[in-house]
Amino acid sequence: MVAIFLYVIAHHHKNRVVGFQFKRSGDTISRHVNTVLKRVIRLQGEFLKEPVAVATSSVDQRWNCFKNFLGALDGTHISVHVATEDKPRYRTRKSAIATNVLGVCSQDLEVIYVYPGWEGSAADYRVLREAIYKKKWLKSYYYLFDAGYPNSGGFLAPFRGQCYHLKQWERDRLEPRRAEELFNMKHCRDRNVIERVFGLLKMRWAILRDPSWYPVNIHCRFIMACCLIHNLIRREMSMDEILPEDEYEDGPISLVSPQEIRMIEHVDSSNYWDVQRKELVDQLI
């Protein structure tokens, strides 16, 4: 049953093709896949990564620029199959029919939180606001995200109007000329872990690369299951064949125990966090 399930999400074949491979009927394949899918979803508490903040005493050159940094978040679109009347709601800016998935990952490329199901036309900021109402987020620390979100309590965005993306730095062979540009470069380097996680998920699981034949609600369960199994692979496999060897250079992250637990209750622009960002910039000079 597990082998059939893994075959389906890894190769994204129809029931009749999978049935031919495993010498089982289409009905048996369907029942086995749904049974394993339900069992995997129940393991969220075991497989989802607990957020671990970068300690203020950290000397790791990669992460010590952002003390109390918990992880990175972003949204990604995953193609889905929907009814004709629902296609306008799921149509993205690039005219693809997809669901907007919010993902949060740790420094070691494990998934902390995933929230699939929103229509592709929904803005990333709208999805994050809804996620705040559904999940408790630590307010004492913060996550990194891109300029598509407002700089707010618990979430640190880059400076707008400044060079940001790593590809742009590499393509133009630029060097930071101002403190804000240096901040943006380091911010993008650390936030890039979420892009790597999305890339790993879509490379490993073919069901995330193309629209499936399942309804949207079932496909969203497959998205969650793929993230959970991704975490299991990261923990149990010392070497991942998909990752190049130089990806294993990251050292362990120091655990921080919060003295005062406070939760993020909303995501809006914050002058306080603008000051916090300015202080980080001053430390880089």
C-alpha atoms as a PDB file:
ATOM      1  CA  MET A   1       0.000   0.000   0.000  1.00  0.00           C
ATOM      2  CA  VAL A   2       2.802   2.414   0.872  1.00  0.00           C
ATOM      3  CA  ALA A   3       4.679   1.509  -2.305  1.00  0.00           C
ATOM      4  CA  ILE A   4       1.582   2.207  -4.394  1.00  0.00           C
ATOM      5  CA  PHE A   5       1.065   5.562  -2.672  1.00  0.00           C
ATOM      6  CA  LEU A   6       4.680   6.640  -3.174  1.00  0.00           C
ATOM      7  CA  TYR A   7       4.544   5.529  -6.809  1.00  0.00           C
ATOM      8  CA  VAL A   8       1.456   7.663  -7.410  1.00  0.00           C
ATOM      9  CA  ILE A   9       2.859  10.885  -5.925  1.00  0.00           C
ATOM     10  CA  ALA A  10       6.346  10.373  -7.372  1.00  0.00           C
ATOM     11  CA  HIS A  11       5.277   9.533 -10.945  1.00  0.00           C
ATOM     12  CA  HIS A  12       1.760  10.987 -11.136  1.00  0.00           C
ATOM     13  CA  HIS A  13       0.302   8.150 -13.190  1.00  0.00           C
ATOM     14  CA  LYS A  14      -3.359   7.283 -13.602  1.00  0.00           C
ATOM     15  CA  ASN A  15      -4.946   4.435 -11.673  1.00  0.00           C
ATOM     16  CA  ARG A  16      -4.982   2.099 -14.636  1.00  0.00           C
ATOM     17  CA  VAL A  17      -1.242   2.609 -15.217  1.00  0.00           C
ATOM     18  CA  VAL A  18      -0.464   2.053 -11.535  1.00  0.00           C
ATOM     19  CA  GLY A  19      -2.768  -0.962 -11.483  1.00  0.00           C
ATOM     20  CA  PHE A  20      -0.891  -2.465 -14.406  1.00  0.00           C
ATOM     21  CA  GLN A  21       2.439  -1.950 -12.633  1.00  0.00           C
ATOM     22  CA  PHE A  22       1.261  -3.523  -9.372  1.00  0.00           C
ATOM     23  CA  LYS A  23      -1.165  -6.069 -10.859  1.00  0.00           C
ATOM     24  CA  ARG A  24      -4.127  -4.649  -8.950  1.00  0.00           C
ATOM     25  CA  SER A  25      -7.514  -3.326 -10.005  1.00  0.00           C
ATOM     26  CA  GLY A  26      -8.204   0.396 -10.275  1.00  0.00           C
ATOM     27  CA  ASP A  27     -10.566   0.179  -7.300  1.00  0.00           C
ATOM     28  CA  THR A  28      -7.871  -1.441  -5.148  1.00  0.00           C
ATOM     29  CA  ILE A  29      -5.345   1.216  -6.160  1.00  0.00           C
ATOM     30  CA  SER A  30      -7.777   3.989  -5.261  1.00  0.00           C
ATOM     31  CA  ARG A  31      -8.577   2.501  -1.848  1.00  0.00           C
ATOM     32  CA  HIS A  32      -4.908   1.922  -0.986  1.00  0.00           C
ATOM     33  CA  VAL A  33      -3.898   5.450  -1.991  1.00  0.00           C
ATOM     34  CA  ASN A  34      -6.670   7.049   0.053  1.00  0.00           C
ATOM     35  CA  THR A  35      -5.937   4.869   3.083  1.00  0.00           C
ATOM     36  CA  VAL A  36      -2.234   5.768   3.149  1.00  0.00           C
ATOM     37  CA  LEU A  37      -2.997   9.435   2.424  1.00  0.00           C
ATOM     38  CA  LYS A  38      -5.251   9.672   5.482  1.00  0.00           C
ATOM     39  CA  ARG A  39      -2.658   7.957   7.687  1.00  0.00           C
ATOM     40  CA  VAL A  40       0.141  10.289   6.520  1.00  0.00           C
ATOM     41  CA  ILE A  41      -1.976  13.405   7.151  1.00  0.00           C
ATOM     42  CA  ARG A  42      -2.555  12.233  10.742  1.00  0.00           C
ATOM     43  CA  LEU A  43       1.209  12.368  11.324  1.00  0.00           C
ATOM     44  CA  GLN A  44       1.429  16.157  11.074  1.00  0.00           C
ATOM     45  CA  GLY A  45       2.325  16.445  14.740  1.00  0.00           C
ATOM     46  CA  GLU A  46       5.212  14.014  14.246  1.00  0.00           C
ATOM     47  CA  PHE A  47       6.603  15.167  10.911  1.00  0.00           C
ATOM     48  CA  LEU A  48       6.169  18.956  10.843  1.00  0.00           C
ATOM     49  CA  LYS A  49       9.262  20.788  12.017  1.00  0.00           C
ATOM     50  CA  GLU A  50       9.121  22.774  15.255  1.00  0.00           C
ATOM     51  CA  PRO A  51      10.514  26.287  14.596  1.00  0.00           C
ATOM     52  CA  VAL A  52      13.974  26.822  16.075  1.00  0.00           C
ATOM     53  CA  ALA A  53      15.347  30.357  16.381  1.00  0.00           C
ATOM     54  CA  VAL A  54      18.909  31.413  15.646  1.00  0.00           C
ATOM     55  CA  ALA A  55      20.526  32.058  19.020  1.00  0.00           C
ATOM     56  CA  THR A  56      21.817  35.546  19.814  1.00  0.00           C
ATOM     57  CA  SER A  57      25.157  33.916  20.610  1.00  0.00           C
ATOM     58  CA  SER A  58      25.403  32.217  17.206  1.00  0.00           C
ATOM     59  CA  VAL A  59      28.719  32.612  15.381  1.00  0.00           C
ATOM     60  CA  ASP A  60      27.549  30.979  12.147  1.00  0.00           C
ATOM     61  CA  GLN A  61      28.384  33.486   9.403  1.00  0.00           C
ATOM     62  CA  ARG A  62      25.385  32.487   7.358  1.00  0.00           C
ATOM     63  CA  TRP A  63      22.700  32.969  10.003  1.00  0.00           C
ATOM     64  CA  ASN A  64      24.107  35.289  12.674  1.00  0.00           C
ATOM     65  CA  CYS A  65      23.000  38.419  10.794  1.00  0.00           C
ATOM     66  CA  PHE A  66      19.431  37.654  11.825  1.00  0.00           C
ATOM     67  CA  LYS A  67      19.274  36.804  15.503  1.00  0.00           C
ATOM     68  CA  ASN A  68      16.028  35.112  16.604  1.00  0.00           C
ATOM     69  CA  PHE A  69      15.321  34.200  12.953  1.00  0.00           C
ATOM     70  CA  LEU A  70      12.876  31.250  12.894  1.00  0.00           C
ATOM     71  CA  GLY A  71      12.578  30.486   9.186  1.00  0.00           C
ATOM     72  CA  ALA A  72      11.397  31.758   5.819  1.00  0.00           C
ATOM     73  CA  LEU A  73       7.977  31.834   4.183  1.00  0.00           C
ATOM     74  CA  ASP A  74       6.576  32.420   0.739  1.00  0.00           C
ATOM     75  CA  GLY A  75       3.756  31.378  -1.525  1.00  0.00           C
ATOM     76  CA  THR A  76       3.896  29.070  -4.537  1.00  0.00           C
ATOM     77  CA  HIS A  77       1.358  28.017  -7.143  1.00  0.00           C
ATOM     78  CA  ILE A  78       0.624  24.327  -7.712  1.00  0.00           C
ATOM     79  CA  SER A  79      -1.512  23.355 -10.691  1.00  0.00           C
ATOM     80  CA  VAL A  80      -4.892  21.783  -9.943  1.00  0.00           C
ATOM     81  CA  HIS A  81      -7.901  20.502 -11.879  1.00  0.00           C
ATOM     82  CA  VAL A  82     -11.152  22.371 -11.151  1.00  0.00           C
ATOM     83  CA  ALA A  83     -14.609  22.611 -12.641  1.00  0.00           C
ATOM     84  CA  THR A  84     -15.088  25.028 -15.529  1.00  0.00           C
ATOM     85  CA  GLU A  85     -17.149  27.453 -13.444  1.00  0.00           C
ATOM     86  CA  ASP A  86     -14.363  27.649 -10.819  1.00  0.00           C
ATOM     87  CA  LYS A  87     -11.497  28.340 -13.229  1.00  0.00           C
ATOM     88  CA  PRO A  88     -11.701  32.179 -13.023  1.00  0.00           C
ATOM     89  CA  ARG A  89     -11.078  32.008  -9.251  1.00  0.00           C
ATOM     90  CA  TYR A  90      -8.110  29.674  -9.621  1.00  0.00           C
ATOM     91  CA  ARG A  91      -6.534  31.484 -12.582  1.00  0.00           C
ATOM     92  CA  THR A  92      -3.171  33.067 -11.707  1.00  0.00           C
ATOM     93  CA  ARG A  93      -1.560  36.152 -13.202  1.00  0.00           C
ATOM     94  CA  LYS A  94       0.196  33.834 -15.668  1.00  0.00           C
ATOM     95  CA  SER A  95      -3.164  32.313 -16.713  1.00  0.00           C
ATOM     96  CA  ALA A  96      -2.418  28.958 -15.056  1.00  0.00           C
ATOM     97  CA  ILE A  97      -5.115  27.138 -13.051  1.00  0.00           C
ATOM     98  CA  ALA A  98      -3.529  26.609  -9.648  1.00  0.00           C
ATOM     99  CA  THR A  99      -3.895  26.774  -5.888  1.00  0.00           C
ATOM    100  CA  ASN A 100      -1.886  29.303  -3.903  1.00  0.00           C
ATOM    101  CA  VAL A 101       0.104  27.436  -1.235  1.00  0.00           C
ATOM    102  CA  LEU A 102       1.724  29.196   1.726  1.00  0.00           C
ATOM    103  CA  GLY A 103       4.868  27.445   2.898  1.00  0.00           C
ATOM    104  CA  VAL A 104       7.153  28.060   5.877  1.00  0.00           C
ATOM    105  CA  CYS A 105      10.467  26.263   6.272  1.00  0.00           C
ATOM    106  CA  SER A 106      13.355  26.102   8.722  1.00  0.00           C
ATOM    107  CA  GLN A 107      17.042  26.825   8.143  1.00  0.00           C
ATOM    108  CA  ASP A 108      17.706  23.122   7.472  1.00  0.00           C
ATOM    109  CA  LEU A 109      15.082  22.909   4.675  1.00  0.00           C
ATOM    110  CA  GLU A 110      12.340  21.207   6.698  1.00  0.00           C
ATOM    111  CA  VAL A 111       8.722  22.328   6.410  1.00  0.00           C
ATOM    112  CA  ILE A 112       7.355  24.108   9.481  1.00  0.00           C
ATOM    113  CA  TYR A 113       3.921  24.955   8.135  1.00  0.00           C
ATOM    114  CA  VAL A 114       2.012  24.523   4.878  1.00  0.00           C
ATOM    115  CA  TYR A 115      -1.387  25.998   4.032  1.00  0.00           C
ATOM    116  CA  PRO A 116      -2.775  24.840   0.642  1.00  0.00           C
ATOM    117  CA  GLY A 117      -6.209  25.336  -0.870  1.00  0.00           C
ATOM    118  CA  TRP A 118      -6.493  29.020  -1.670  1.00  0.00           C
ATOM    119  CA  GLU A 119      -7.461  30.051  -5.199  1.00  0.00           C
ATOM    120  CA  GLY A 120      -4.602  30.986  -7.501  1.00  0.00           C
ATOM    121  CA  SER A 121      -6.032  34.496  -7.885  1.00  0.00           C
ATOM    122  CA  ALA A 122      -5.631  35.173  -4.147  1.00  0.00           C
ATOM    123  CA  ALA A 123      -2.751  37.433  -3.123  1.00  0.00           C
ATOM    124  CA  ASP A 124       0.026  35.966  -0.965  1.00  0.00           C
ATOM    125  CA  TYR A 125      -0.666  38.608   1.682  1.00  0.00           C
ATOM    126  CA  ARG A 126      -4.328  37.547   1.907  1.00  0.00           C
ATOM    127  CA  VAL A 127      -3.346  33.908   2.395  1.00  0.00           C
ATOM    128  CA  LEU A 128      -0.898  34.848   5.165  1.00  0.00           C
ATOM    129  CA  ARG A 129      -3.521  36.904   6.987  1.00  0.00           C
ATOM    130  CA  GLU A 130      -5.852  33.925   7.028  1.00  0.00           C
ATOM    131  CA  ALA A 131      -3.033  31.658   8.227  1.00  0.00           C
ATOM    132  CA  ILE A 132      -2.437  33.999  11.180  1.00  0.00           C
ATOM    133  CA  TYR A 133      -6.015  33.412  12.333  1.00  0.00           C
ATOM    134  CA  LYS A 134      -5.677  29.639  12.036  1.00  0.00           C
ATOM    135  CA  LYS A 135      -2.267  29.058  13.633  1.00  0.00           C
ATOM    136  CA  LYS A 136      -0.341  30.375  16.627  1.00  0.00           C
ATOM    137  CA  TRP A 137       2.838  32.146  15.512  1.00  0.00           C
ATOM    138  CA  LEU A 138       5.574  33.113  17.978  1.00  0.00           C
ATOM    139  CA  LYS A 139       5.733  36.886  18.330  1.00  0.00           C
ATOM    140  CA  SER A 140       9.028  37.024  20.214  1.00  0.00           C
ATOM    141  CA  TYR A 141      10.880  35.981  17.052  1.00  0.00           C
ATOM    142  CA  TYR A 142      10.379  36.507  13.339  1.00  0.00           C
ATOM    143  CA  TYR A 143      10.277  34.960   9.864  1.00  0.00           C
ATOM    144  CA  LEU A 144      11.742  36.330   6.630  1.00  0.00           C
ATOM    145  CA  PHE A 145       9.639  36.964   3.544  1.00  0.00           C
ATOM    146  CA  ASP A 146       9.925  38.967   0.322  1.00  0.00           C
ATOM    147  CA  ALA A 147       8.764  42.491  -0.516  1.00  0.00           C
ATOM    148  CA  GLY A 148       5.312  41.249  -1.500  1.00  0.00           C
ATOM    149  CA  TYR A 149       4.398  41.342   2.202  1.00  0.00           C
ATOM    150  CA  PRO A 150       4.414  44.320   4.591  1.00  0.00           C
ATOM    151  CA  ASN A 151       7.170  44.639   7.183  1.00  0.00           C
ATOM    152  CA  SER A 152       5.191  43.744  10.311  1.00  0.00           C
ATOM    153  CA  GLY A 153       5.388  42.198  13.760  1.00  0.00           C
ATOM    154  CA  GLY A 154       6.954  38.764  13.543  1.00  0.00           C
ATOM    155  CA  PHE A 155       7.760  39.104   9.832  1.00  0.00           C
ATOM    156  CA  LEU A 156      10.783  40.900   8.370  1.00  0.00           C
ATOM    157  CA  ALA A 157      10.693  42.132   4.773  1.00  0.00           C
ATOM    158  CA  PRO A 158      13.533  43.585   2.644  1.00  0.00           C
ATOM    159  CA  PHE A 159      13.868  47.211   1.611  1.00  0.00           C
ATOM    160  CA  ARG A 160      11.827  48.045  -1.462  1.00  0.00           C
ATOM    161  CA  GLY A 161      13.428  49.889  -4.360  1.00  0.00           C
ATOM    162  CA  GLN A 162      16.815  48.240  -3.723  1.00  0.00           C
ATOM    163  CA  CYS A 163      18.560  45.393  -5.538  1.00  0.00           C
ATOM    164  CA  TYR A 164      17.371  42.145  -3.965  1.00  0.00           C
ATOM    165  CA  HIS A 165      17.253  38.841  -5.882  1.00  0.00           C
ATOM    166  CA  LEU A 166      20.362  36.660  -5.857  1.00  0.00           C
ATOM    167  CA  LYS A 167      20.173  36.065  -9.615  1.00  0.00           C
ATOM    168  CA  GLN A 168      20.355  39.811 -10.183  1.00  0.00           C
ATOM    169  CA  TRP A 169      23.444  40.113  -7.984  1.00  0.00           C
ATOM    170  CA  GLU A 170      25.134  37.225  -9.779  1.00  0.00           C
ATOM    171  CA  ARG A 171      24.100  38.215 -13.309  1.00  0.00           C
ATOM    172  CA  ASP A 172      25.229  41.837 -13.019  1.00  0.00           C
ATOM    173  CA  ARG A 173      28.174  40.973 -10.720  1.00  0.00           C
ATOM    174  CA  LEU A 174      27.099  43.702  -8.353  1.00  0.00           C
ATOM    175  CA  GLU A 175      28.544  44.587  -4.978  1.00  0.00           C
ATOM    176  CA  PRO A 176      26.452  46.253  -2.255  1.00  0.00           C
ATOM    177  CA  ARG A 177      27.031  50.004  -2.253  1.00  0.00           C
ATOM    178  CA  ARG A 178      24.730  50.932   0.617  1.00  0.00           C
ATOM    179  CA  ALA A 179      23.806  49.362   3.915  1.00  0.00           C
ATOM    180  CA  GLU A 180      20.267  48.714   2.664  1.00  0.00           C
ATOM    181  CA  GLU A 181      21.621  46.777  -0.328  1.00  0.00           C
ATOM    182  CA  LEU A 182      23.880  44.707   1.928  1.00  0.00           C
ATOM    183  CA  PHE A 183      20.890  43.955   4.145  1.00  0.00           C
ATOM    184  CA  ASN A 184      18.812  42.927   1.122  1.00  0.00           C
ATOM    185  CA  MET A 185      21.553  40.628  -0.162  1.00  0.00           C
ATOM    186  CA  LYS A 186      21.905  38.833   3.181  1.00  0.00           C
ATOM    187  CA  HIS A 187      18.117  38.776   3.601  1.00  0.00           C
ATOM    188  CA  CYS A 188      17.639  37.154   0.185  1.00  0.00           C
ATOM    189  CA  ARG A 189      20.400  34.616   0.838  1.00  0.00           C
ATOM    190  CA  ASP A 190      18.728  33.441   4.063  1.00  0.00           C
ATOM    191  CA  ARG A 191      15.146  33.675   2.781  1.00  0.00           C
ATOM    192  CA  ASN A 192      16.145  31.637  -0.263  1.00  0.00           C
ATOM    193  CA  VAL A 193      15.769  28.424   1.779  1.00  0.00           C
ATOM    194  CA  ILE A 194      12.020  28.465   1.112  1.00  0.00           C
ATOM    195  CA  GLU A 195      12.639  28.648  -2.646  1.00  0.00           C
ATOM    196  CA  ARG A 196      14.962  25.654  -2.350  1.00  0.00           C
ATOM    197  CA  VAL A 197      12.295  23.722  -0.446  1.00  0.00           C
ATOM    198  CA  PHE A 198       9.679  24.446  -3.133  1.00  0.00           C
ATOM    199  CA  GLY A 199      12.177  23.334  -5.771  1.00  0.00           C
ATOM    200  CA  LEU A 200      12.945  20.099  -3.918  1.00  0.00           C
ATOM    201  CA  LEU A 201       9.270  19.277  -3.451  1.00  0.00           C
ATOM    202  CA  LYS A 202       8.429  19.774  -7.122  1.00  0.00           C
ATOM    203  CA  MET A 203      11.496  17.876  -8.322  1.00  0.00           C
ATOM    204  CA  ARG A 204      10.789  14.875  -6.098  1.00  0.00           C
ATOM    205  CA  TRP A 205       6.994  14.652  -6.406  1.00  0.00           C
ATOM    206  CA  ALA A 206       5.587  14.744  -9.939  1.00  0.00           C
ATOM    207  CA  ILE A 207       2.066  15.200  -8.578  1.00  0.00           C
ATOM    208  CA  LEU A 208       3.077  18.759  -7.610  1.00  0.00           C
ATOM    209  CA  ARG A 209       4.288  19.648 -11.108  1.00  0.00           C
ATOM    210  CA  ASP A 210       1.087  19.034 -13.086  1.00  0.00           C
ATOM    211  CA  PRO A 211      -2.636  19.187 -12.342  1.00  0.00           C
ATOM    212  CA  SER A 212      -3.866  15.887 -10.949  1.00  0.00           C
ATOM    213  CA  TRP A 213      -7.099  14.041 -11.697  1.00  0.00           C
ATOM    214  CA  TYR A 214      -8.229  14.459  -8.089  1.00  0.00           C
ATOM    215  CA  PRO A 215     -10.581  17.171  -6.744  1.00  0.00           C
ATOM    216  CA  VAL A 216      -8.929  20.257  -5.272  1.00  0.00           C
ATOM    217  CA  ASN A 217      -9.538  19.234  -1.656  1.00  0.00           C
ATOM    218  CA  ILE A 218      -7.903  15.837  -2.245  1.00  0.00           C
ATOM    219  CA  HIS A 219      -5.014  17.398  -4.157  1.00  0.00           C
ATOM    220  CA  CYS A 220      -4.395  19.722  -1.207  1.00  0.00           C
ATOM    221  CA  ARG A 221      -4.062  16.650   1.009  1.00  0.00           C
ATOM    222  CA  PHE A 222      -1.456  15.292  -1.390  1.00  0.00           C
ATOM    223  CA  ILE A 223       0.440  18.594  -1.091  1.00  0.00           C
ATOM    224  CA  MET A 224       0.460  18.261   2.689  1.00  0.00           C
ATOM    225  CA  ALA A 225       1.522  14.601   2.485  1.00  0.00           C
ATOM    226  CA  CYS A 226       4.400  15.442   0.132  1.00  0.00           C
ATOM    227  CA  CYS A 227       5.655  18.042   2.617  1.00  0.00           C
ATOM    228  CA  LEU A 228       5.456  15.603   5.524  1.00  0.00           C
ATOM    229  CA  ILE A 229       7.321  12.862   3.670  1.00  0.00           C
ATOM    230  CA  HIS A 230       9.885  15.465   2.569  1.00  0.00           C
ATOM    231  CA  ASN A 231      10.591  16.174   6.258  1.00  0.00           C
ATOM    232  CA  LEU A 232      10.917  12.459   6.980  1.00  0.00           C
ATOM    233  CA  ILE A 233      13.444  12.093   4.167  1.00  0.00           C
ATOM    234  CA  ARG A 234      15.428  15.077   5.424  1.00  0.00           C
ATOM    235  CA  ARG A 235      15.636  13.538   8.905  1.00  0.00           C
ATOM    236  CA  GLU A 236      16.326   9.922   8.003  1.00  0.00           C
ATOM    237  CA  MET A 237      18.597  10.223   4.957  1.00  0.00           C
ATOM    238  CA  SER A 238      22.099  11.524   5.670  1.00  0.00           C
ATOM    239  CA  MET A 239      22.538  12.253   1.957  1.00  0.00           C
ATOM    240  CA  ASP A 240      19.701  13.279  -0.350  1.00  0.00           C
ATOM    241  CA  GLU A 241      20.358  12.341  -3.977  1.00  0.00           C
ATOM    242  CA  ILE A 242      18.435  15.401  -5.184  1.00  0.00           C
ATOM    243  CA  LEU A 243      20.615  17.873  -3.241  1.00  0.00           C
ATOM    244  CA  PRO A 244      24.177  18.589  -4.413  1.00  0.00           C
ATOM    245  CA  GLU A 245      26.922  17.848  -1.902  1.00  0.00           C
ATOM    246  CA  ASP A 246      27.624  21.517  -1.144  1.00  0.00           C
ATOM    247  CA  GLU A 247      24.108  21.868   0.287  1.00  0.00           C
ATOM    248  CA  TYR A 248      25.190  19.866   3.348  1.00  0.00           C
ATOM    249  CA  GLU A 249      27.613  22.491   4.658  1.00  0.00           C
ATOM    250  CA  ASP A 250      25.053  24.191   6.899  1.00  0.00           C
ATOM    251  CA  GLY A 251      25.817  23.547  10.548  1.00  0.00           C
ATOM    252  CA  PRO A 252      23.329  22.888  13.344  1.00  0.00           C
ATOM    253  CA  ILE A 253      21.144  25.752  14.506  1.00  0.00           C
ATOM    254  CA  SER A 254      21.301  26.789  18.150  1.00  0.00           C
ATOM    255  CA  LEU A 255      18.000  26.354  19.961  1.00  0.00           C
ATOM    256  CA  VAL A 256      16.545  29.357  21.766  1.00  0.00           C
ATOM    257  CA  SER A 257      14.078  28.890  24.596  1.00  0.00           C
ATOM    258  CA  PRO A 258      11.623  31.825  24.664  1.00  0.00           C
ATOM    259  CA  GLN A 259      11.394  33.611  28.007  1.00  0.00           C
ATOM    260  CA  GLU A 260       8.028  35.107  27.186  1.00  0.00           C
ATOM    261  CA  ILE A 261       5.661  33.399  24.756  1.00  0.00           C
ATOM    262  CA  ARG A 262       3.610  35.866  22.728  1.00  0.00           C
ATOM    263  CA  MET A 263       1.598  35.083  19.638  1.00  0.00           C
ATOM    264  CA  ILE A 264       1.195  37.002  16.385  1.00  0.00           C
ATOM    265  CA  GLU A 265      -2.436  38.008  16.057  1.00  0.00           C
ATOM    266  CA  HIS A 266      -2.340  40.088  12.844  1.00  0.00           C
ATOM    267  CA  VAL A 267      -0.033  41.058   9.988  1.00  0.00           C
ATOM    268  CA  ASP A 268       0.019  44.799   9.267  1.00  0.00           C
ATOM    269  CA  SER A 269       2.708  47.386   8.640  1.00  0.00           C
ATOM    270  CA  SER A 270       4.562  48.212  11.853  1.00  0.00           C
ATOM    271  CA  ASN A 271       6.762  51.217  12.663  1.00  0.00           C
ATOM    272  CA  TYR A 272       8.338  49.189  15.459  1.00  0.00           C
ATOM    273  CA  TRP A 273       9.557  46.562  13.002  1.00  0.00           C
ATOM    274  CA  ASP A 274      10.808  49.273  10.659  1.00  0.00           C
ATOM    275  CA  VAL A 275      13.010  50.406  13.550  1.00  0.00           C
ATOM    276  CA  GLN A 276      14.094  46.823  14.212  1.00  0.00           C
ATOM    277  CA  ARG A 277      15.099  46.454  10.579  1.00  0.00           C
ATOM    278  CA  LYS A 278      17.045  49.722  10.727  1.00  0.00           C
ATOM    279  CA  GLU A 279      18.936  48.437  13.763  1.00  0.00           C
ATOM    280  CA  LEU A 280      19.872  45.279  11.857  1.00  0.00           C
ATOM    281  CA  VAL A 281      21.141  47.414   9.013  1.00  0.00           C
ATOM    282  CA  ASP A 282      23.285  49.486  11.395  1.00  0.00           C
ATOM    283  CA  GLN A 283      24.840  46.285  12.757  1.00  0.00           C
ATOM    284  CA  LEU A 284      25.972  45.317   9.249  1.00  0.00           C
ATOM    285  CA  ILE A 285      27.924  48.534   8.687  1.00  0.00           C
END
